[in-house]
C-alpha atoms as a PDB file:
ATOM      1  CA  UNK A   1       0.000   0.000   0.000  1.00  0.00           C
ATOM      2  CA  UNK A   2       1.540   3.388  -0.979  1.00  0.00           C
ATOM      3  CA  UNK A   3       2.165   5.814   1.902  1.00  0.00           C
ATOM      4  CA  UNK A   4      -0.480   8.445   2.607  1.00  0.00           C
ATOM      5  CA  UNK A   5       0.962  11.941   2.806  1.00  0.00           C
ATOM      6  CA  UNK A   6      -1.075  15.127   3.331  1.00  0.00           C
ATOM      7  CA  UNK A   7       1.576  17.508   4.721  1.00  0.00           C
ATOM      8  CA  UNK A   8      -0.567  20.650   4.852  1.00  0.00           C
ATOM      9  CA  UNK A   9      -3.650  18.878   6.172  1.00  0.00           C
ATOM     10  CA  UNK A  10      -1.692  17.009   8.841  1.00  0.00           C
ATOM     11  CA  UNK A  11      -0.308  20.300  10.166  1.00  0.00           C
ATOM     12  CA  UNK A  12      -3.750  21.918  10.142  1.00  0.00           C
ATOM     13  CA  UNK A  13      -5.341  18.900  11.823  1.00  0.00           C
ATOM     14  CA  UNK A  14      -2.637  18.745  14.494  1.00  0.00           C
ATOM     15  CA  UNK A  15      -3.275  22.407  15.297  1.00  0.00           C
ATOM     16  CA  UNK A  16      -7.048  21.892  15.345  1.00  0.00           C
ATOM     17  CA  UNK A  17      -6.786  18.996  17.798  1.00  0.00           C
ATOM     18  CA  UNK A  18      -4.755  21.167  20.163  1.00  0.00           C
ATOM     19  CA  UNK A  19      -7.395  23.915  19.998  1.00  0.00           C
ATOM     20  CA  UNK A  20     -10.649  21.997  19.674  1.00  0.00           C
ATOM     21  CA  UNK A  21     -13.829  23.640  21.020  1.00  0.00           C
ATOM     22  CA  UNK A  22     -15.205  22.362  24.307  1.00  0.00           C
ATOM     23  CA  UNK A  23     -18.321  21.105  22.504  1.00  0.00           C
ATOM     24  CA  UNK A  24     -16.272  18.849  20.248  1.00  0.00           C
ATOM     25  CA  UNK A  25     -14.429  17.350  23.205  1.00  0.00           C
ATOM     26  CA  UNK A  26     -17.733  16.711  24.992  1.00  0.00           C
ATOM     27  CA  UNK A  27     -19.032  14.938  21.893  1.00  0.00           C
ATOM     28  CA  UNK A  28     -15.937  12.738  21.760  1.00  0.00           C
ATOM     29  CA  UNK A  29     -16.347  11.926  25.449  1.00  0.00           C
ATOM     30  CA  UNK A  30     -19.953  10.903  24.763  1.00  0.00           C
ATOM     31  CA  UNK A  31     -18.792   8.853  21.778  1.00  0.00           C
ATOM     32  CA  UNK A  32     -16.489   6.734  23.942  1.00  0.00           C
ATOM     33  CA  UNK A  33     -18.501   6.603  27.167  1.00  0.00           C
ATOM     34  CA  UNK A  34     -19.088   3.135  28.581  1.00  0.00           C
ATOM     35  CA  UNK A  35     -16.786   1.260  26.219  1.00  0.00           C
ATOM     36  CA  UNK A  36     -15.142  -1.905  27.491  1.00  0.00           C
ATOM     37  CA  UNK A  37     -12.854  -4.628  26.204  1.00  0.00           C
ATOM     38  CA  UNK A  38     -11.133  -4.535  22.844  1.00  0.00           C
ATOM     39  CA  UNK A  39     -11.618  -1.543  20.526  1.00  0.00           C
ATOM     40  CA  UNK A  40     -10.646  -0.814  16.933  1.00  0.00           C
ATOM     41  CA  UNK A  41     -10.276   2.893  16.184  1.00  0.00           C
ATOM     42  CA  UNK A  42      -9.956   3.688  12.501  1.00  0.00           C
ATOM     43  CA  UNK A  43      -8.587   7.024  11.325  1.00  0.00           C
ATOM     44  CA  UNK A  44      -7.070   7.703  14.734  1.00  0.00           C
ATOM     45  CA  UNK A  45      -5.430  10.964  13.635  1.00  0.00           C
ATOM     46  CA  UNK A  46      -3.180  12.378  16.340  1.00  0.00           C
ATOM     47  CA  UNK A  47      -4.556   9.993  18.970  1.00  0.00           C
ATOM     48  CA  UNK A  48      -6.753  12.680  20.514  1.00  0.00           C
ATOM     49  CA  UNK A  49      -9.269  10.064  21.665  1.00  0.00           C
ATOM     50  CA  UNK A  50      -6.768   7.952  23.574  1.00  0.00           C
ATOM     51  CA  UNK A  51      -6.938   9.798  26.883  1.00  0.00           C
ATOM     52  CA  UNK A  52     -10.757   9.678  26.797  1.00  0.00           C
ATOM     53  CA  UNK A  53     -11.157   5.889  26.708  1.00  0.00           C
ATOM     54  CA  UNK A  54     -12.741   4.492  29.887  1.00  0.00           C
ATOM     55  CA  UNK A  55     -10.618   2.348  32.155  1.00  0.00           C
ATOM     56  CA  UNK A  56     -12.644  -0.707  31.116  1.00  0.00           C
ATOM     57  CA  UNK A  57     -11.042  -0.631  27.658  1.00  0.00           C
ATOM     58  CA  UNK A  58      -8.170  -3.114  27.785  1.00  0.00           C
ATOM     59  CA  UNK A  59      -6.830  -2.775  24.230  1.00  0.00           C
ATOM     60  CA  UNK A  60      -7.107  -0.210  21.444  1.00  0.00           C
ATOM     61  CA  UNK A  61      -5.896  -1.053  17.953  1.00  0.00           C
ATOM     62  CA  UNK A  62      -5.616   2.324  16.230  1.00  0.00           C
ATOM     63  CA  UNK A  63      -5.252   2.486  12.439  1.00  0.00           C
ATOM     64  CA  UNK A  64      -4.036   5.694  10.785  1.00  0.00           C
ATOM     65  CA  UNK A  65      -2.747   5.963   7.187  1.00  0.00           C
ATOM     66  CA  UNK A  66      -1.095   9.402   7.370  1.00  0.00           C
ATOM     67  CA  UNK A  67       2.535   9.086   8.483  1.00  0.00           C
ATOM     68  CA  UNK A  68       2.759  12.417  10.328  1.00  0.00           C
ATOM     69  CA  UNK A  69      -0.483  11.884  12.213  1.00  0.00           C
ATOM     70  CA  UNK A  70       0.446   8.272  12.963  1.00  0.00           C
ATOM     71  CA  UNK A  71       3.707   9.367  14.571  1.00  0.00           C
ATOM     72  CA  UNK A  72       1.813  11.779  16.806  1.00  0.00           C
ATOM     73  CA  UNK A  73      -0.703   9.059  17.659  1.00  0.00           C
ATOM     74  CA  UNK A  74       2.133   6.779  18.758  1.00  0.00           C
ATOM     75  CA  UNK A  75       3.309   9.451  21.200  1.00  0.00           C
ATOM     76  CA  UNK A  76      -0.236   9.870  22.547  1.00  0.00           C
ATOM     77  CA  UNK A  77      -0.538   6.083  22.913  1.00  0.00           C
ATOM     78  CA  UNK A  78       2.624   5.894  24.998  1.00  0.00           C
ATOM     79  CA  UNK A  79       1.346   8.667  27.280  1.00  0.00           C
ATOM     80  CA  UNK A  80      -1.960   6.874  27.800  1.00  0.00           C
ATOM     81  CA  UNK A  81      -0.274   3.551  28.544  1.00  0.00           C
ATOM     82  CA  UNK A  82       1.915   5.281  31.130  1.00  0.00           C
ATOM     83  CA  UNK A  83      -1.053   7.043  32.735  1.00  0.00           C
ATOM     84  CA  UNK A  84      -3.324   3.964  32.699  1.00  0.00           C
ATOM     85  CA  UNK A  85      -1.083   0.866  32.734  1.00  0.00           C
ATOM     86  CA  UNK A  86      -3.999  -1.522  32.195  1.00  0.00           C
ATOM     87  CA  UNK A  87      -4.628  -0.232  28.656  1.00  0.00           C
ATOM     88  CA  UNK A  88      -2.636  -1.384  25.638  1.00  0.00           C
ATOM     89  CA  UNK A  89      -2.691   0.796  22.521  1.00  0.00           C
ATOM     90  CA  UNK A  90      -1.177  -0.291  19.210  1.00  0.00           C
ATOM     91  CA  UNK A  91      -0.911   2.249  16.385  1.00  0.00           C
ATOM     92  CA  UNK A  92      -0.820   0.685  12.917  1.00  0.00           C
ATOM     93  CA  UNK A  93      -0.472   1.903   9.341  1.00  0.00           C
ATOM     94  CA  UNK A  94      -3.561   1.130   7.274  1.00  0.00           C
ATOM     95  CA  UNK A  95      -6.887   2.285   5.895  1.00  0.00           C
ATOM     96  CA  UNK A  96     -10.463   1.575   6.868  1.00  0.00           C
ATOM     97  CA  UNK A  97     -11.176  -0.266   3.618  1.00  0.00           C
ATOM     98  CA  UNK A  98      -8.023  -2.384   3.805  1.00  0.00           C
ATOM     99  CA  UNK A  99      -7.267  -3.057   7.461  1.00  0.00           C
ATOM    100  CA  UNK A 100      -3.790  -4.422   8.205  1.00  0.00           C
ATOM    101  CA  UNK A 101      -3.471  -8.056   9.184  1.00  0.00           C
ATOM    102  CA  UNK A 102      -2.396  -7.030  12.691  1.00  0.00           C
ATOM    103  CA  UNK A 103      -5.820  -5.448  13.174  1.00  0.00           C
ATOM    104  CA  UNK A 104      -7.782  -8.698  13.006  1.00  0.00           C
ATOM    105  CA  UNK A 105     -10.908  -8.905  15.159  1.00  0.00           C
ATOM    106  CA  UNK A 106     -13.138  -9.648  16.802  1.00  0.00           C
ATOM    107  CA  UNK A 107     -13.675  -6.371  18.643  1.00  0.00           C
ATOM    108  CA  UNK A 108     -16.207  -5.231  21.170  1.00  0.00           C
ATOM    109  CA  UNK A 109     -16.436  -1.865  19.413  1.00  0.00           C
ATOM    110  CA  UNK A 110     -15.252  -0.016  16.324  1.00  0.00           C
ATOM    111  CA  UNK A 111     -14.778   3.740  16.731  1.00  0.00           C
ATOM    112  CA  UNK A 112     -14.832   6.104  13.766  1.00  0.00           C
ATOM    113  CA  UNK A 113     -14.614   9.816  14.463  1.00  0.00           C
ATOM    114  CA  UNK A 114     -14.341  12.270  11.572  1.00  0.00           C
ATOM    115  CA  UNK A 115     -13.041   9.602   9.206  1.00  0.00           C
ATOM    116  CA  UNK A 116     -15.866   8.316   6.982  1.00  0.00           C
ATOM    117  CA  UNK A 117     -15.816  11.654   5.159  1.00  0.00           C
ATOM    118  CA  UNK A 118     -12.360  10.907   3.796  1.00  0.00           C
ATOM    119  CA  UNK A 119     -12.300   7.183   3.034  1.00  0.00           C
ATOM    120  CA  UNK A 120     -12.175   6.190  -0.621  1.00  0.00           C
ATOM    121  CA  UNK A 121     -14.983   3.633  -0.317  1.00  0.00           C
ATOM    122  CA  UNK A 122     -17.633   4.121   2.384  1.00  0.00           C
ATOM    123  CA  UNK A 123     -19.500   0.790   1.853  1.00  0.00           C
ATOM    124  CA  UNK A 124     -16.220  -1.172   1.920  1.00  0.00           C
ATOM    125  CA  UNK A 125     -15.138   0.637   5.085  1.00  0.00           C
ATOM    126  CA  UNK A 126     -18.390  -0.113   6.881  1.00  0.00           C
ATOM    127  CA  UNK A 127     -18.277  -3.723   5.696  1.00  0.00           C
ATOM    128  CA  UNK A 128     -14.796  -3.979   7.223  1.00  0.00           C
ATOM    129  CA  UNK A 129     -16.135  -2.550  10.487  1.00  0.00           C
ATOM    130  CA  UNK A 130     -19.037  -5.016  10.468  1.00  0.00           C
ATOM    131  CA  UNK A 131     -16.705  -7.957   9.860  1.00  0.00           C
ATOM    132  CA  UNK A 132     -14.307  -6.820  12.597  1.00  0.00           C
ATOM    133  CA  UNK A 133     -17.002  -6.707  15.278  1.00  0.00           C
ATOM    134  CA  UNK A 134     -18.125  -9.609  17.404  1.00  0.00           C
ATOM    135  CA  UNK A 135     -21.861 -10.345  17.214  1.00  0.00           C
ATOM    136  CA  UNK A 136     -23.550  -7.654  19.283  1.00  0.00           C
ATOM    137  CA  UNK A 137     -20.510  -5.366  19.025  1.00  0.00           C
ATOM    138  CA  UNK A 138     -20.961  -1.636  18.563  1.00  0.00           C
ATOM    139  CA  UNK A 139     -20.019   0.875  15.910  1.00  0.00           C
ATOM    140  CA  UNK A 140     -19.470   4.254  17.591  1.00  0.00           C
ATOM    141  CA  UNK A 141     -19.615   7.118  15.077  1.00  0.00           C
ATOM    142  CA  UNK A 142     -19.093  10.875  15.220  1.00  0.00           C
ATOM    143  CA  UNK A 143     -19.104  12.211  11.680  1.00  0.00           C
ATOM    144  CA  UNK A 144     -20.022  15.313   9.736  1.00  0.00           C
ATOM    145  CA  UNK A 145     -22.776  14.547   7.269  1.00  0.00           C
ATOM    146  CA  UNK A 146     -24.763  15.817   4.309  1.00  0.00           C
ATOM    147  CA  UNK A 147     -27.618  18.228   4.805  1.00  0.00           C
ATOM    148  CA  UNK A 148     -30.177  19.833   2.509  1.00  0.00           C
ATOM    149  CA  UNK A 149     -31.128  23.376   1.588  1.00  0.00           C
ATOM    150  CA  UNK A 150     -28.583  26.077   0.813  1.00  0.00           C
ATOM    151  CA  UNK A 151     -25.948  24.487   3.063  1.00  0.00           C
ATOM    152  CA  UNK A 152     -26.311  21.190   1.231  1.00  0.00           C
ATOM    153  CA  UNK A 153     -25.741  23.058  -2.022  1.00  0.00           C
ATOM    154  CA  UNK A 154     -22.613  24.611  -0.557  1.00  0.00           C
ATOM    155  CA  UNK A 155     -21.405  21.159   0.504  1.00  0.00           C
ATOM    156  CA  UNK A 156     -21.832  19.815  -3.024  1.00  0.00           C
ATOM    157  CA  UNK A 157     -19.990  22.807  -4.451  1.00  0.00           C
ATOM    158  CA  UNK A 158     -16.962  22.597  -2.170  1.00  0.00           C
ATOM    159  CA  UNK A 159     -16.781  18.817  -2.627  1.00  0.00           C
ATOM    160  CA  UNK A 160     -16.606  19.275  -6.395  1.00  0.00           C
ATOM    161  CA  UNK A 161     -13.904  21.938  -6.206  1.00  0.00           C
ATOM    162  CA  UNK A 162     -11.212  22.546  -3.589  1.00  0.00           C
ATOM    163  CA  UNK A 163     -12.321  20.869  -0.355  1.00  0.00           C
ATOM    164  CA  UNK A 164     -11.121  17.261  -0.796  1.00  0.00           C
ATOM    165  CA  UNK A 165      -7.725  18.394  -2.059  1.00  0.00           C
ATOM    166  CA  UNK A 166      -7.275  20.906   0.753  1.00  0.00           C
ATOM    167  CA  UNK A 167      -8.482  18.685   3.587  1.00  0.00           C
ATOM    168  CA  UNK A 168      -6.992  15.253   3.096  1.00  0.00           C
ATOM    169  CA  UNK A 169      -9.727  13.767   0.908  1.00  0.00           C
ATOM    170  CA  UNK A 170     -12.609  14.994   3.079  1.00  0.00           C
ATOM    171  CA  UNK A 171     -16.070  15.129   1.465  1.00  0.00           C
ATOM    172  CA  UNK A 172     -18.710  17.143   3.284  1.00  0.00           C
ATOM    173  CA  UNK A 173     -21.848  15.929   1.480  1.00  0.00           C
ATOM    174  CA  UNK A 174     -21.956  12.221   2.372  1.00  0.00           C
ATOM    175  CA  UNK A 175     -25.109  10.582   3.709  1.00  0.00           C
ATOM    176  CA  UNK A 176     -23.091   8.627   6.244  1.00  0.00           C
ATOM    177  CA  UNK A 177     -25.956   7.626   8.519  1.00  0.00           C
ATOM    178  CA  UNK A 178     -27.880   6.038   5.644  1.00  0.00           C
ATOM    179  CA  UNK A 179     -24.704   4.200   4.649  1.00  0.00           C
ATOM    180  CA  UNK A 180     -24.411   2.809   8.184  1.00  0.00           C
ATOM    181  CA  UNK A 181     -28.007   1.577   7.978  1.00  0.00           C
ATOM    182  CA  UNK A 182     -27.373  -0.065   4.606  1.00  0.00           C
ATOM    183  CA  UNK A 183     -24.272  -1.810   5.968  1.00  0.00           C
ATOM    184  CA  UNK A 184     -26.454  -3.957   8.214  1.00  0.00           C
ATOM    185  CA  UNK A 185     -26.088  -2.134  11.520  1.00  0.00           C
ATOM    186  CA  UNK A 186     -28.981  -1.566  13.919  1.00  0.00           C
ATOM    187  CA  UNK A 187     -29.039   1.966  15.279  1.00  0.00           C
ATOM    188  CA  UNK A 188     -29.102   2.063  19.089  1.00  0.00           C
ATOM    189  CA  UNK A 189     -28.750   5.788  19.697  1.00  0.00           C
ATOM    190  CA  UNK A 190     -28.434   8.709  17.316  1.00  0.00           C
ATOM    191  CA  UNK A 191     -28.539  12.459  17.555  1.00  0.00           C
ATOM    192  CA  UNK A 192     -27.764  15.340  15.241  1.00  0.00           C
ATOM    193  CA  UNK A 193     -25.163  17.868  16.368  1.00  0.00           C
ATOM    194  CA  UNK A 194     -24.205  21.240  14.906  1.00  0.00           C
ATOM    195  CA  UNK A 195     -20.759  22.780  15.186  1.00  0.00           C
ATOM    196  CA  UNK A 196     -21.935  26.221  14.080  1.00  0.00           C
ATOM    197  CA  UNK A 197     -25.167  28.266  13.991  1.00  0.00           C
ATOM    198  CA  UNK A 198     -27.643  27.356  11.262  1.00  0.00           C
ATOM    199  CA  UNK A 199     -26.893  30.590   9.406  1.00  0.00           C
ATOM    200  CA  UNK A 200     -23.137  30.054   9.289  1.00  0.00           C
ATOM    201  CA  UNK A 201     -21.682  28.836   5.945  1.00  0.00           C
ATOM    202  CA  UNK A 202     -19.646  26.020   7.487  1.00  0.00           C
ATOM    203  CA  UNK A 203     -19.817  22.882   5.282  1.00  0.00           C
ATOM    204  CA  UNK A 204     -18.802  20.543   8.120  1.00  0.00           C
ATOM    205  CA  UNK A 205     -21.252  21.969  10.673  1.00  0.00           C
ATOM    206  CA  UNK A 206     -23.927  19.209  10.444  1.00  0.00           C
ATOM    207  CA  UNK A 207     -22.746  16.264  12.557  1.00  0.00           C
ATOM    208  CA  UNK A 208     -24.103  12.868  13.560  1.00  0.00           C
ATOM    209  CA  UNK A 209     -23.238  11.153  16.841  1.00  0.00           C
ATOM    210  CA  UNK A 210     -24.445   7.699  17.678  1.00  0.00           C
ATOM    211  CA  UNK A 211     -24.120   3.993  18.343  1.00  0.00           C
ATOM    212  CA  UNK A 212     -25.062   1.209  15.933  1.00  0.00           C
ATOM    213  CA  UNK A 213     -24.858  -2.503  16.670  1.00  0.00           C
ATOM    214  CA  UNK A 214     -23.953  -5.579  14.675  1.00  0.00           C
ATOM    215  CA  UNK A 215     -26.763  -8.088  15.051  1.00  0.00           C
ATOM    216  CA  UNK A 216     -26.042 -10.801  17.618  1.00  0.00           C
END
């Protein structure tokens, strides 16, 4: 697999994770609340979720394709393991659609936060998540999603022009929740979240936060 390199985006994302709004951190805390056992986190970025995992999580296998972000995630993993010795975190090179062999399941949960917007193949990624879960395991998702109206039109415009190239392959107008339903998951909880006021022209403002389960 060729290396993934987004030098500008990785710098921007690293800065954003160091200055994230309180509301985003609260959403990530909600995303991970109550998790236990073995977890696969795909698109781990800088490892910003690592210090939020509950103590009941015994192992996190974190997959991140971007070299710069992966190196930062490895540092964050070491800090978490030092702070909470009972947790093991392995950071691996790979993509959602083509998980590395070292990331074999089964898992109690798969976590995807702000990643399904940038994968090359959403159905293949969700199929990989479904296969990696044990029966009854959970998909935890926190993703920005498509909307309608004038903001939906803006999303389609930026996706067709500069946005994916500027932001590491990100696409703002993806109906991610419908894709999760089509992948065979049963929604347990779901709520819509906004990162900006309804009048603000922010393509990534509409968010979805929820839990979906693989059938037992």
